[in-house]
């Protein structure tokens, strides 16, 4: 077992990245689809995780037009997520748990978009895992109150990308996938808090 402590500084805040490597014979590959739900922009990112290395397999954003009827926007999101699931064959979908927002119109729209995303994944047989924003921040930066820029920079570093993917929703989706990989590894090692 070895501890590695790469570090970086984002907005003047030092972030340590702790990784524990355990040799358990052959490494298992895990392919995860991360989704940042919305109804105007849905970020998505597919990450492969082998040993302690992350590789971006594909990522992007599903954009719907504001002037398109809402039910048609939901159809576009559903069809696009179905296509991503079929194209990349993820073993898991990682998505943020829905949380209360002050703008009820926005939260209802996001909940409806989230519903068609979950339906598409379920119809492709992809297991769904939900995480709170704090769990995602903790998994990526080791700090549950990290700011968005810190999370995006750590995501960029972990995936060995030259720049942070745009739009932000895409970077957030890649972060969701990474968070699931970390949480999944913790469960396998028996260190996941219950």
N, C-alpha and C. Protein backbone atom coordinates (compact mmCIF):
# COMPACT_ATOMS: atom_id res chain seq x y z
N UNK A 1 0.85 -1.17 0.00
CA UNK A 1 0.00 0.00 0.00
C UNK A 1 0.89 1.23 0.00
N UNK A 2 0.53 2.21 -0.81
CA UNK A 2 1.33 3.42 -0.86
C UNK A 2 0.42 4.63 -0.87
N UNK A 3 0.89 5.71 -0.28
CA UNK A 3 0.15 6.97 -0.29
C UNK A 3 0.83 7.92 -1.25
N UNK A 4 0.06 8.56 -2.10
CA UNK A 4 0.59 9.57 -2.99
C UNK A 4 -0.11 10.87 -2.64
N UNK A 5 0.61 11.97 -2.66
CA UNK A 5 0.00 13.24 -2.31
C UNK A 5 0.33 14.31 -3.34
N UNK A 6 -0.21 14.19 -4.58
CA UNK A 6 -0.05 15.31 -5.50
C UNK A 6 -0.84 16.49 -4.94
N UNK A 7 -0.41 17.67 -5.23
CA UNK A 7 -1.16 18.83 -4.76
C UNK A 7 -1.20 19.89 -5.84
N UNK A 8 -2.19 20.75 -5.72
CA UNK A 8 -2.30 21.89 -6.62
C UNK A 8 -2.88 23.04 -5.83
N UNK A 9 -2.81 24.22 -6.40
CA UNK A 9 -3.39 25.40 -5.79
C UNK A 9 -4.40 25.99 -6.75
N UNK A 10 -5.62 26.19 -6.26
CA UNK A 10 -6.68 26.78 -7.05
C UNK A 10 -7.22 27.97 -6.27
N UNK A 11 -7.17 29.13 -6.88
CA UNK A 11 -7.62 30.36 -6.24
C UNK A 11 -6.98 30.54 -4.86
N UNK A 12 -5.69 30.23 -4.76
CA UNK A 12 -4.96 30.43 -3.53
C UNK A 12 -5.22 29.39 -2.45
N UNK A 13 -6.03 28.37 -2.75
CA UNK A 13 -6.31 27.34 -1.77
C UNK A 13 -5.57 26.07 -2.18
N UNK A 14 -4.76 25.55 -1.28
CA UNK A 14 -3.98 24.35 -1.58
C UNK A 14 -4.87 23.12 -1.44
N UNK A 15 -4.84 22.26 -2.44
CA UNK A 15 -5.63 21.04 -2.42
C UNK A 15 -4.67 19.86 -2.45
N UNK A 16 -4.80 18.98 -1.50
CA UNK A 16 -4.04 17.74 -1.50
C UNK A 16 -4.93 16.64 -2.05
N UNK A 17 -4.36 15.79 -2.85
CA UNK A 17 -5.11 14.71 -3.45
C UNK A 17 -4.52 13.41 -2.94
N UNK A 18 -5.21 12.75 -2.05
CA UNK A 18 -4.72 11.51 -1.46
C UNK A 18 -5.23 10.33 -2.26
N UNK A 19 -4.33 9.45 -2.61
CA UNK A 19 -4.70 8.24 -3.32
C UNK A 19 -4.06 7.07 -2.60
N UNK A 20 -4.83 6.05 -2.33
CA UNK A 20 -4.30 4.84 -1.72
C UNK A 20 -4.33 3.76 -2.78
N UNK A 21 -3.17 3.19 -3.06
CA UNK A 21 -3.08 2.11 -4.03
C UNK A 21 -2.99 0.79 -3.29
N UNK A 22 -3.85 -0.13 -3.64
CA UNK A 22 -3.83 -1.45 -3.04
C UNK A 22 -3.64 -2.46 -4.16
N UNK A 23 -2.65 -3.32 -4.03
CA UNK A 23 -2.42 -4.33 -5.06
C UNK A 23 -3.32 -5.52 -4.75
N UNK A 24 -4.27 -5.78 -5.65
CA UNK A 24 -5.20 -6.88 -5.47
C UNK A 24 -5.23 -7.77 -6.70
N UNK A 25 -4.09 -7.94 -7.33
CA UNK A 25 -4.06 -8.76 -8.54
C UNK A 25 -4.47 -7.95 -9.74
N UNK A 26 -5.31 -8.52 -10.55
CA UNK A 26 -5.73 -7.86 -11.78
C UNK A 26 -6.68 -6.70 -11.50
N UNK A 27 -6.43 -5.55 -12.10
CA UNK A 27 -7.28 -4.37 -11.90
C UNK A 27 -8.55 -4.52 -12.72
N UNK A 28 -9.65 -4.13 -12.14
CA UNK A 28 -10.93 -4.16 -12.82
C UNK A 28 -11.18 -2.80 -13.44
N UNK A 29 -11.69 -2.82 -14.67
CA UNK A 29 -12.01 -1.58 -15.37
C UNK A 29 -13.45 -1.20 -15.03
N UNK A 30 -13.68 0.08 -14.80
CA UNK A 30 -15.02 0.59 -14.52
C UNK A 30 -15.30 1.73 -15.47
N UNK A 31 -16.43 1.67 -16.18
CA UNK A 31 -16.83 2.74 -17.10
C UNK A 31 -18.10 3.39 -16.56
N UNK A 32 -18.02 4.69 -16.30
CA UNK A 32 -19.12 5.42 -15.65
C UNK A 32 -19.55 6.60 -16.50
N UNK A 33 -20.86 6.77 -16.61
CA UNK A 33 -21.45 7.94 -17.26
C UNK A 33 -21.88 8.90 -16.16
N UNK A 34 -21.30 10.09 -16.15
CA UNK A 34 -21.71 11.14 -15.23
C UNK A 34 -22.64 12.10 -15.95
N UNK A 35 -23.69 12.53 -15.26
CA UNK A 35 -24.66 13.46 -15.85
C UNK A 35 -24.87 14.64 -14.92
N UNK A 36 -24.82 15.84 -15.49
CA UNK A 36 -25.22 17.06 -14.78
C UNK A 36 -26.57 17.45 -15.37
N UNK A 37 -27.68 17.16 -14.65
CA UNK A 37 -29.01 17.34 -15.24
C UNK A 37 -29.44 18.78 -15.35
N UNK A 38 -30.26 19.04 -16.34
CA UNK A 38 -30.86 20.34 -16.57
C UNK A 38 -31.84 20.18 -17.70
N UNK A 39 -32.51 21.25 -18.09
CA UNK A 39 -33.39 21.14 -19.25
C UNK A 39 -32.95 22.05 -20.39
N UNK A 40 -32.08 23.01 -20.12
CA UNK A 40 -31.49 23.82 -21.19
C UNK A 40 -30.18 23.18 -21.63
N UNK A 41 -29.37 22.76 -20.65
CA UNK A 41 -28.09 22.09 -20.91
C UNK A 41 -27.98 20.87 -20.00
N UNK A 42 -27.70 19.73 -20.59
CA UNK A 42 -27.40 18.51 -19.83
C UNK A 42 -25.95 18.16 -20.14
N UNK A 43 -25.10 18.25 -19.14
CA UNK A 43 -23.71 17.85 -19.34
C UNK A 43 -23.59 16.35 -19.16
N UNK A 44 -22.74 15.74 -19.97
CA UNK A 44 -22.49 14.30 -19.83
C UNK A 44 -21.01 14.02 -20.03
N UNK A 45 -20.52 12.99 -19.36
CA UNK A 45 -19.13 12.59 -19.51
C UNK A 45 -18.96 11.13 -19.16
N UNK A 46 -18.24 10.41 -19.99
CA UNK A 46 -17.96 8.99 -19.75
C UNK A 46 -16.48 8.86 -19.39
N UNK A 47 -16.24 8.24 -18.25
CA UNK A 47 -14.89 8.08 -17.72
C UNK A 47 -14.62 6.59 -17.49
N UNK A 48 -13.42 6.18 -17.84
CA UNK A 48 -13.00 4.82 -17.53
C UNK A 48 -11.97 4.89 -16.41
N UNK A 49 -12.08 3.97 -15.48
CA UNK A 49 -11.22 3.96 -14.29
C UNK A 49 -10.58 2.58 -14.17
N UNK A 50 -9.26 2.54 -14.27
CA UNK A 50 -8.51 1.29 -14.13
C UNK A 50 -7.38 1.54 -13.14
N UNK A 51 -7.32 0.72 -12.10
CA UNK A 51 -6.31 0.94 -11.06
C UNK A 51 -6.57 2.28 -10.41
N UNK A 52 -5.65 3.20 -10.53
CA UNK A 52 -5.83 4.56 -10.01
C UNK A 52 -5.79 5.59 -11.13
N UNK A 53 -6.09 5.17 -12.34
CA UNK A 53 -6.00 6.08 -13.48
C UNK A 53 -7.36 6.28 -14.13
N UNK A 54 -7.67 7.54 -14.38
CA UNK A 54 -8.92 7.92 -15.06
C UNK A 54 -8.62 8.26 -16.51
N UNK A 55 -9.51 7.87 -17.39
CA UNK A 55 -9.40 8.23 -18.81
C UNK A 55 -10.74 8.74 -19.29
N UNK A 56 -10.76 9.92 -19.93
CA UNK A 56 -12.02 10.40 -20.51
C UNK A 56 -12.29 9.62 -21.80
N UNK A 57 -13.46 9.04 -21.92
CA UNK A 57 -13.82 8.26 -23.11
C UNK A 57 -14.64 9.12 -24.07
N UNK A 58 -15.49 9.96 -23.53
CA UNK A 58 -16.29 10.87 -24.34
C UNK A 58 -17.02 11.84 -23.43
N UNK A 59 -17.27 13.03 -23.91
CA UNK A 59 -18.02 14.00 -23.11
C UNK A 59 -18.61 15.07 -24.01
N UNK A 60 -19.62 15.75 -23.49
CA UNK A 60 -20.27 16.79 -24.26
C UNK A 60 -21.47 17.34 -23.52
N UNK A 61 -22.32 18.03 -24.26
CA UNK A 61 -23.51 18.63 -23.67
C UNK A 61 -24.69 18.45 -24.62
N UNK A 62 -25.84 18.21 -24.04
CA UNK A 62 -27.09 18.15 -24.78
C UNK A 62 -27.74 19.52 -24.60
N UNK A 63 -27.94 20.22 -25.70
CA UNK A 63 -28.51 21.57 -25.65
C UNK A 63 -29.92 21.55 -26.21
N UNK A 64 -30.84 22.17 -25.49
CA UNK A 64 -32.21 22.30 -26.00
C UNK A 64 -32.53 23.78 -26.15
N UNK A 65 -33.31 24.09 -27.15
CA UNK A 65 -33.66 25.49 -27.45
C UNK A 65 -34.77 25.99 -26.54
N UNK A 66 -34.62 27.20 -26.07
CA UNK A 66 -35.59 27.82 -25.17
C UNK A 66 -36.98 27.91 -25.79
N UNK A 67 -37.05 28.15 -27.09
CA UNK A 67 -38.34 28.33 -27.76
C UNK A 67 -39.03 27.01 -28.11
N UNK A 68 -38.36 25.89 -27.92
CA UNK A 68 -38.95 24.59 -28.21
C UNK A 68 -39.91 24.23 -27.08
N UNK A 69 -41.08 23.65 -27.41
CA UNK A 69 -42.01 23.24 -26.34
C UNK A 69 -41.30 22.31 -25.34
N UNK A 70 -41.64 22.49 -24.07
CA UNK A 70 -40.92 21.78 -23.01
C UNK A 70 -40.95 20.27 -23.19
N UNK A 71 -42.11 19.72 -23.57
CA UNK A 71 -42.18 18.26 -23.73
C UNK A 71 -41.26 17.78 -24.85
N UNK A 72 -41.06 18.61 -25.88
CA UNK A 72 -40.14 18.25 -26.95
C UNK A 72 -38.68 18.31 -26.46
N UNK A 73 -38.40 19.26 -25.59
CA UNK A 73 -37.06 19.34 -25.01
C UNK A 73 -36.77 18.08 -24.20
N UNK A 74 -37.77 17.59 -23.46
CA UNK A 74 -37.60 16.36 -22.70
C UNK A 74 -37.34 15.17 -23.62
N UNK A 75 -38.05 15.13 -24.75
CA UNK A 75 -37.83 14.06 -25.74
C UNK A 75 -36.40 14.10 -26.28
N UNK A 76 -35.90 15.30 -26.57
CA UNK A 76 -34.54 15.45 -27.08
C UNK A 76 -33.51 14.97 -26.05
N UNK A 77 -33.75 15.31 -24.78
CA UNK A 77 -32.85 14.87 -23.71
C UNK A 77 -32.88 13.35 -23.60
N UNK A 78 -34.08 12.79 -23.58
CA UNK A 78 -34.24 11.34 -23.48
C UNK A 78 -33.51 10.62 -24.62
N UNK A 79 -33.79 11.04 -25.86
CA UNK A 79 -33.16 10.41 -27.03
C UNK A 79 -31.64 10.51 -26.98
N UNK A 80 -31.14 11.66 -26.56
CA UNK A 80 -29.68 11.87 -26.51
C UNK A 80 -29.02 11.01 -25.44
N UNK A 81 -29.63 10.92 -24.27
CA UNK A 81 -29.07 10.09 -23.20
C UNK A 81 -29.12 8.62 -23.60
N UNK A 82 -30.20 8.21 -24.24
CA UNK A 82 -30.32 6.84 -24.74
C UNK A 82 -29.18 6.55 -25.71
N UNK A 83 -28.90 7.50 -26.60
CA UNK A 83 -27.83 7.35 -27.58
C UNK A 83 -26.46 7.23 -26.90
N UNK A 84 -26.21 8.08 -25.90
CA UNK A 84 -24.94 8.04 -25.17
C UNK A 84 -24.78 6.69 -24.46
N UNK A 85 -25.85 6.21 -23.82
CA UNK A 85 -25.79 4.92 -23.12
C UNK A 85 -25.51 3.78 -24.09
N UNK A 86 -26.14 3.80 -25.23
CA UNK A 86 -25.93 2.74 -26.22
C UNK A 86 -24.54 2.82 -26.84
N UNK A 87 -24.07 4.02 -27.10
CA UNK A 87 -22.76 4.20 -27.74
C UNK A 87 -21.60 3.82 -26.82
N UNK A 88 -21.67 4.22 -25.55
CA UNK A 88 -20.53 4.04 -24.64
C UNK A 88 -20.67 2.87 -23.66
N UNK A 89 -21.86 2.28 -23.56
CA UNK A 89 -22.11 1.12 -22.69
C UNK A 89 -21.53 1.29 -21.27
N UNK A 90 -21.98 2.32 -20.54
CA UNK A 90 -21.47 2.50 -19.17
C UNK A 90 -21.99 1.40 -18.24
N UNK A 91 -21.20 1.14 -17.20
CA UNK A 91 -21.60 0.17 -16.17
C UNK A 91 -22.38 0.83 -15.05
N UNK A 92 -22.37 2.16 -15.01
CA UNK A 92 -23.07 2.90 -13.96
C UNK A 92 -23.35 4.31 -14.46
N UNK A 93 -24.42 4.89 -13.93
CA UNK A 93 -24.73 6.30 -14.18
C UNK A 93 -24.63 7.01 -12.84
N UNK A 94 -23.87 8.09 -12.80
CA UNK A 94 -23.69 8.89 -11.60
C UNK A 94 -24.37 10.23 -11.83
N UNK A 95 -25.29 10.58 -10.94
CA UNK A 95 -26.07 11.82 -11.10
C UNK A 95 -26.25 12.47 -9.74
N UNK A 96 -26.33 13.79 -9.75
CA UNK A 96 -26.50 14.53 -8.50
C UNK A 96 -27.92 14.36 -7.98
N UNK A 97 -28.03 14.15 -6.66
CA UNK A 97 -29.34 14.08 -6.03
C UNK A 97 -30.02 15.43 -6.19
N UNK A 98 -31.31 15.39 -6.39
CA UNK A 98 -32.07 16.63 -6.53
C UNK A 98 -32.17 17.30 -5.16
N UNK A 99 -31.90 18.58 -5.13
CA UNK A 99 -31.99 19.30 -3.88
C UNK A 99 -32.90 20.50 -4.07
N UNK A 100 -33.44 20.99 -2.98
CA UNK A 100 -34.38 22.10 -3.03
C UNK A 100 -33.70 23.38 -3.50
N UNK A 101 -34.36 24.06 -4.43
CA UNK A 101 -33.89 25.37 -4.88
C UNK A 101 -35.00 26.38 -4.58
N UNK A 102 -34.63 27.62 -4.46
CA UNK A 102 -35.62 28.65 -4.16
C UNK A 102 -36.58 28.86 -5.32
N UNK A 103 -36.11 28.68 -6.54
CA UNK A 103 -36.95 28.86 -7.71
C UNK A 103 -37.64 27.53 -8.02
N UNK A 104 -38.92 27.41 -7.63
CA UNK A 104 -39.64 26.15 -7.79
C UNK A 104 -39.85 25.79 -9.25
N UNK A 105 -40.00 26.77 -10.12
CA UNK A 105 -40.16 26.48 -11.55
C UNK A 105 -38.92 25.78 -12.08
N UNK A 106 -37.76 26.25 -11.69
CA UNK A 106 -36.51 25.64 -12.13
C UNK A 106 -36.38 24.23 -11.59
N UNK A 107 -36.63 24.03 -10.30
CA UNK A 107 -36.46 22.71 -9.70
C UNK A 107 -37.43 21.70 -10.32
N UNK A 108 -38.63 22.12 -10.65
CA UNK A 108 -39.59 21.20 -11.28
C UNK A 108 -39.11 20.82 -12.68
N UNK A 109 -38.63 21.78 -13.44
CA UNK A 109 -38.11 21.49 -14.78
C UNK A 109 -36.91 20.56 -14.74
N UNK A 110 -36.00 20.80 -13.80
CA UNK A 110 -34.82 19.94 -13.65
C UNK A 110 -35.26 18.54 -13.22
N UNK A 111 -36.24 18.45 -12.33
CA UNK A 111 -36.74 17.15 -11.88
C UNK A 111 -37.34 16.36 -13.04
N UNK A 112 -38.07 17.05 -13.91
CA UNK A 112 -38.66 16.37 -15.06
C UNK A 112 -37.57 15.90 -16.04
N UNK A 113 -36.57 16.73 -16.27
CA UNK A 113 -35.46 16.34 -17.14
C UNK A 113 -34.70 15.17 -16.53
N UNK A 114 -34.50 15.24 -15.23
CA UNK A 114 -33.82 14.17 -14.51
C UNK A 114 -34.59 12.85 -14.66
N UNK A 115 -35.90 12.95 -14.62
CA UNK A 115 -36.74 11.76 -14.77
C UNK A 115 -36.53 11.05 -16.10
N UNK A 116 -36.47 11.81 -17.20
CA UNK A 116 -36.27 11.17 -18.51
C UNK A 116 -34.84 10.65 -18.64
N UNK A 117 -33.89 11.29 -17.97
CA UNK A 117 -32.50 10.81 -17.97
C UNK A 117 -32.44 9.45 -17.26
N UNK A 118 -33.07 9.36 -16.09
CA UNK A 118 -33.07 8.11 -15.33
C UNK A 118 -33.80 7.01 -16.10
N UNK A 119 -34.89 7.36 -16.77
CA UNK A 119 -35.64 6.40 -17.57
C UNK A 119 -34.78 5.84 -18.70
N UNK A 120 -34.08 6.71 -19.41
CA UNK A 120 -33.21 6.26 -20.51
C UNK A 120 -32.14 5.31 -20.00
N UNK A 121 -31.51 5.66 -18.87
CA UNK A 121 -30.47 4.79 -18.31
C UNK A 121 -31.06 3.45 -17.88
N UNK A 122 -32.20 3.48 -17.22
CA UNK A 122 -32.84 2.24 -16.76
C UNK A 122 -33.21 1.35 -17.94
N UNK A 123 -33.70 1.94 -19.02
CA UNK A 123 -34.07 1.15 -20.19
C UNK A 123 -32.86 0.52 -20.87
N UNK A 124 -31.68 1.08 -20.64
CA UNK A 124 -30.45 0.49 -21.17
C UNK A 124 -29.80 -0.46 -20.16
N UNK A 125 -30.45 -0.64 -19.01
CA UNK A 125 -29.92 -1.54 -17.99
C UNK A 125 -28.74 -0.99 -17.22
N UNK A 126 -28.61 0.34 -17.18
CA UNK A 126 -27.48 0.97 -16.49
C UNK A 126 -27.90 1.29 -15.05
N UNK A 127 -27.21 0.73 -14.05
CA UNK A 127 -27.53 1.05 -12.65
C UNK A 127 -27.29 2.53 -12.37
N UNK A 128 -28.15 3.10 -11.52
CA UNK A 128 -28.11 4.54 -11.23
C UNK A 128 -27.64 4.77 -9.80
N UNK A 129 -26.68 5.69 -9.65
CA UNK A 129 -26.15 6.06 -8.34
C UNK A 129 -26.29 7.56 -8.18
N UNK A 130 -26.79 7.98 -7.02
CA UNK A 130 -27.00 9.41 -6.77
C UNK A 130 -26.08 9.88 -5.65
N UNK A 131 -25.59 11.10 -5.81
CA UNK A 131 -24.68 11.68 -4.83
C UNK A 131 -25.08 13.12 -4.54
N UNK A 132 -24.88 13.54 -3.30
CA UNK A 132 -25.13 14.93 -2.94
C UNK A 132 -23.95 15.77 -3.44
N UNK A 133 -24.16 17.09 -3.61
CA UNK A 133 -23.04 17.94 -4.00
C UNK A 133 -21.85 17.82 -3.04
N UNK A 134 -22.12 17.69 -1.75
CA UNK A 134 -21.03 17.58 -0.78
C UNK A 134 -20.24 16.27 -0.98
N UNK A 135 -20.93 15.18 -1.29
CA UNK A 135 -20.24 13.91 -1.54
C UNK A 135 -19.33 14.01 -2.76
N UNK A 136 -19.80 14.70 -3.79
CA UNK A 136 -19.00 14.87 -5.01
C UNK A 136 -17.76 15.70 -4.71
N UNK A 137 -17.94 16.81 -4.00
CA UNK A 137 -16.80 17.66 -3.64
C UNK A 137 -15.78 16.89 -2.81
N UNK A 138 -16.26 16.12 -1.85
CA UNK A 138 -15.39 15.32 -0.98
C UNK A 138 -14.62 14.28 -1.79
N UNK A 139 -15.32 13.61 -2.71
CA UNK A 139 -14.68 12.56 -3.51
C UNK A 139 -13.60 13.11 -4.43
N UNK A 140 -13.81 14.30 -4.97
CA UNK A 140 -12.87 14.86 -5.95
C UNK A 140 -11.74 15.64 -5.30
N UNK A 141 -12.05 16.48 -4.33
CA UNK A 141 -11.02 17.35 -3.75
C UNK A 141 -10.60 16.94 -2.34
N UNK A 142 -11.39 16.08 -1.71
CA UNK A 142 -11.10 15.72 -0.32
C UNK A 142 -11.67 16.73 0.66
N UNK A 143 -12.42 17.72 0.15
CA UNK A 143 -12.98 18.78 0.98
C UNK A 143 -14.43 19.02 0.54
N UNK A 144 -15.37 18.75 1.44
CA UNK A 144 -16.79 18.83 1.12
C UNK A 144 -17.34 20.21 0.84
N UNK A 145 -16.54 21.25 1.10
CA UNK A 145 -17.01 22.62 0.84
C UNK A 145 -16.18 23.31 -0.23
N UNK A 146 -15.55 22.51 -1.09
CA UNK A 146 -14.74 23.08 -2.18
C UNK A 146 -15.63 23.89 -3.11
N UNK A 147 -15.04 24.89 -3.75
CA UNK A 147 -15.79 25.72 -4.71
C UNK A 147 -15.70 25.09 -6.10
N UNK A 148 -16.63 25.50 -6.95
CA UNK A 148 -16.76 24.92 -8.29
C UNK A 148 -15.44 24.93 -9.07
N UNK A 149 -14.71 26.02 -9.02
CA UNK A 149 -13.45 26.13 -9.76
C UNK A 149 -12.44 25.08 -9.30
N UNK A 150 -12.38 24.83 -7.99
CA UNK A 150 -11.47 23.82 -7.46
C UNK A 150 -11.84 22.43 -7.97
N UNK A 151 -13.13 22.13 -7.98
CA UNK A 151 -13.60 20.82 -8.44
C UNK A 151 -13.27 20.64 -9.92
N UNK A 152 -13.53 21.67 -10.70
CA UNK A 152 -13.26 21.58 -12.14
C UNK A 152 -11.77 21.43 -12.43
N UNK A 153 -10.94 22.12 -11.68
CA UNK A 153 -9.49 22.01 -11.89
C UNK A 153 -8.99 20.62 -11.51
N UNK A 154 -9.48 20.07 -10.41
CA UNK A 154 -9.09 18.71 -10.02
C UNK A 154 -9.59 17.70 -11.05
N UNK A 155 -10.78 17.90 -11.57
CA UNK A 155 -11.32 17.02 -12.62
C UNK A 155 -10.40 17.06 -13.84
N UNK A 156 -10.01 18.26 -14.24
CA UNK A 156 -9.10 18.42 -15.39
C UNK A 156 -7.79 17.67 -15.15
N UNK A 157 -7.23 17.83 -13.95
CA UNK A 157 -5.97 17.18 -13.62
C UNK A 157 -6.10 15.66 -13.60
N UNK A 158 -7.16 15.16 -12.99
CA UNK A 158 -7.35 13.71 -12.88
C UNK A 158 -7.53 13.06 -14.25
N UNK A 159 -8.14 13.79 -15.18
CA UNK A 159 -8.38 13.26 -16.52
C UNK A 159 -7.25 13.60 -17.50
N UNK A 160 -6.24 14.33 -17.02
CA UNK A 160 -5.08 14.70 -17.83
C UNK A 160 -5.51 15.51 -19.07
N UNK A 161 -6.43 16.44 -18.87
CA UNK A 161 -6.90 17.30 -19.96
C UNK A 161 -6.12 18.61 -19.94
N UNK A 162 -5.94 19.22 -21.10
CA UNK A 162 -5.22 20.49 -21.17
C UNK A 162 -6.03 21.64 -20.60
N UNK A 163 -7.34 21.62 -20.84
CA UNK A 163 -8.21 22.69 -20.35
C UNK A 163 -9.45 22.08 -19.70
N UNK A 164 -10.13 22.89 -18.91
CA UNK A 164 -11.39 22.46 -18.30
C UNK A 164 -12.44 22.41 -19.40
N UNK A 165 -13.14 21.28 -19.56
CA UNK A 165 -14.16 21.18 -20.61
C UNK A 165 -15.26 22.23 -20.44
N UNK A 166 -15.76 22.70 -21.54
CA UNK A 166 -16.85 23.68 -21.58
C UNK A 166 -18.02 23.07 -22.33
N UNK A 167 -19.23 23.41 -22.05
CA UNK A 167 -19.66 24.30 -20.96
C UNK A 167 -19.39 23.66 -19.59
N UNK A 168 -19.57 24.45 -18.55
CA UNK A 168 -19.32 23.98 -17.18
C UNK A 168 -20.08 22.70 -16.87
N UNK A 169 -21.26 22.55 -17.45
CA UNK A 169 -22.09 21.36 -17.21
C UNK A 169 -21.34 20.09 -17.60
N UNK A 170 -20.53 20.16 -18.65
CA UNK A 170 -19.75 19.01 -19.10
C UNK A 170 -18.67 18.67 -18.08
N UNK A 171 -17.97 19.68 -17.60
CA UNK A 171 -16.94 19.46 -16.57
C UNK A 171 -17.58 18.88 -15.30
N UNK A 172 -18.76 19.39 -14.95
CA UNK A 172 -19.46 18.89 -13.76
C UNK A 172 -19.86 17.43 -13.94
N UNK A 173 -20.28 17.06 -15.14
CA UNK A 173 -20.66 15.67 -15.42
C UNK A 173 -19.46 14.74 -15.31
N UNK A 174 -18.32 15.17 -15.82
CA UNK A 174 -17.10 14.36 -15.69
C UNK A 174 -16.74 14.20 -14.21
N UNK A 175 -16.93 15.26 -13.44
CA UNK A 175 -16.69 15.19 -12.00
C UNK A 175 -17.63 14.19 -11.32
N UNK A 176 -18.89 14.14 -11.77
CA UNK A 176 -19.84 13.16 -11.23
C UNK A 176 -19.34 11.75 -11.47
N UNK A 177 -18.83 11.49 -12.67
CA UNK A 177 -18.32 10.15 -13.00
C UNK A 177 -17.13 9.79 -12.12
N UNK A 178 -16.21 10.74 -11.95
CA UNK A 178 -15.04 10.51 -11.10
C UNK A 178 -15.47 10.23 -9.66
N UNK A 179 -16.44 11.01 -9.17
CA UNK A 179 -16.92 10.82 -7.80
C UNK A 179 -17.45 9.41 -7.60
N UNK A 180 -18.19 8.90 -8.58
CA UNK A 180 -18.71 7.53 -8.44
C UNK A 180 -17.56 6.52 -8.41
N UNK A 181 -16.56 6.72 -9.23
CA UNK A 181 -15.41 5.80 -9.23
C UNK A 181 -14.76 5.76 -7.86
N UNK A 182 -14.56 6.94 -7.25
CA UNK A 182 -13.96 6.99 -5.92
C UNK A 182 -14.86 6.33 -4.88
N UNK A 183 -16.15 6.63 -4.93
CA UNK A 183 -17.09 6.05 -3.95
C UNK A 183 -17.22 4.55 -4.15
N UNK A 184 -17.20 4.10 -5.39
CA UNK A 184 -17.28 2.68 -5.70
C UNK A 184 -16.06 1.95 -5.15
N UNK A 185 -14.89 2.53 -5.33
CA UNK A 185 -13.65 1.94 -4.81
C UNK A 185 -13.70 1.87 -3.28
N UNK A 186 -14.21 2.92 -2.65
CA UNK A 186 -14.31 2.93 -1.19
C UNK A 186 -15.22 1.81 -0.69
N UNK A 187 -16.33 1.58 -1.39
CA UNK A 187 -17.24 0.50 -1.01
C UNK A 187 -16.54 -0.85 -1.14
N UNK A 188 -15.78 -1.05 -2.23
CA UNK A 188 -15.08 -2.31 -2.44
C UNK A 188 -14.02 -2.55 -1.38
N UNK A 189 -13.39 -1.48 -0.90
CA UNK A 189 -12.33 -1.61 0.10
C UNK A 189 -12.91 -1.66 1.52
N UNK A 190 -14.22 -1.51 1.65
CA UNK A 190 -14.85 -1.56 2.96
C UNK A 190 -14.66 -0.32 3.79
N UNK A 191 -14.32 0.81 3.15
CA UNK A 191 -14.06 2.03 3.91
C UNK A 191 -15.18 3.06 3.74
N UNK A 192 -16.23 2.71 3.02
CA UNK A 192 -17.33 3.64 2.80
C UNK A 192 -18.12 3.79 4.11
N UNK A 193 -18.30 5.02 4.60
CA UNK A 193 -19.11 5.21 5.81
C UNK A 193 -20.55 4.78 5.55
N UNK A 194 -21.17 4.22 6.58
CA UNK A 194 -22.57 3.77 6.42
C UNK A 194 -23.51 4.66 7.17
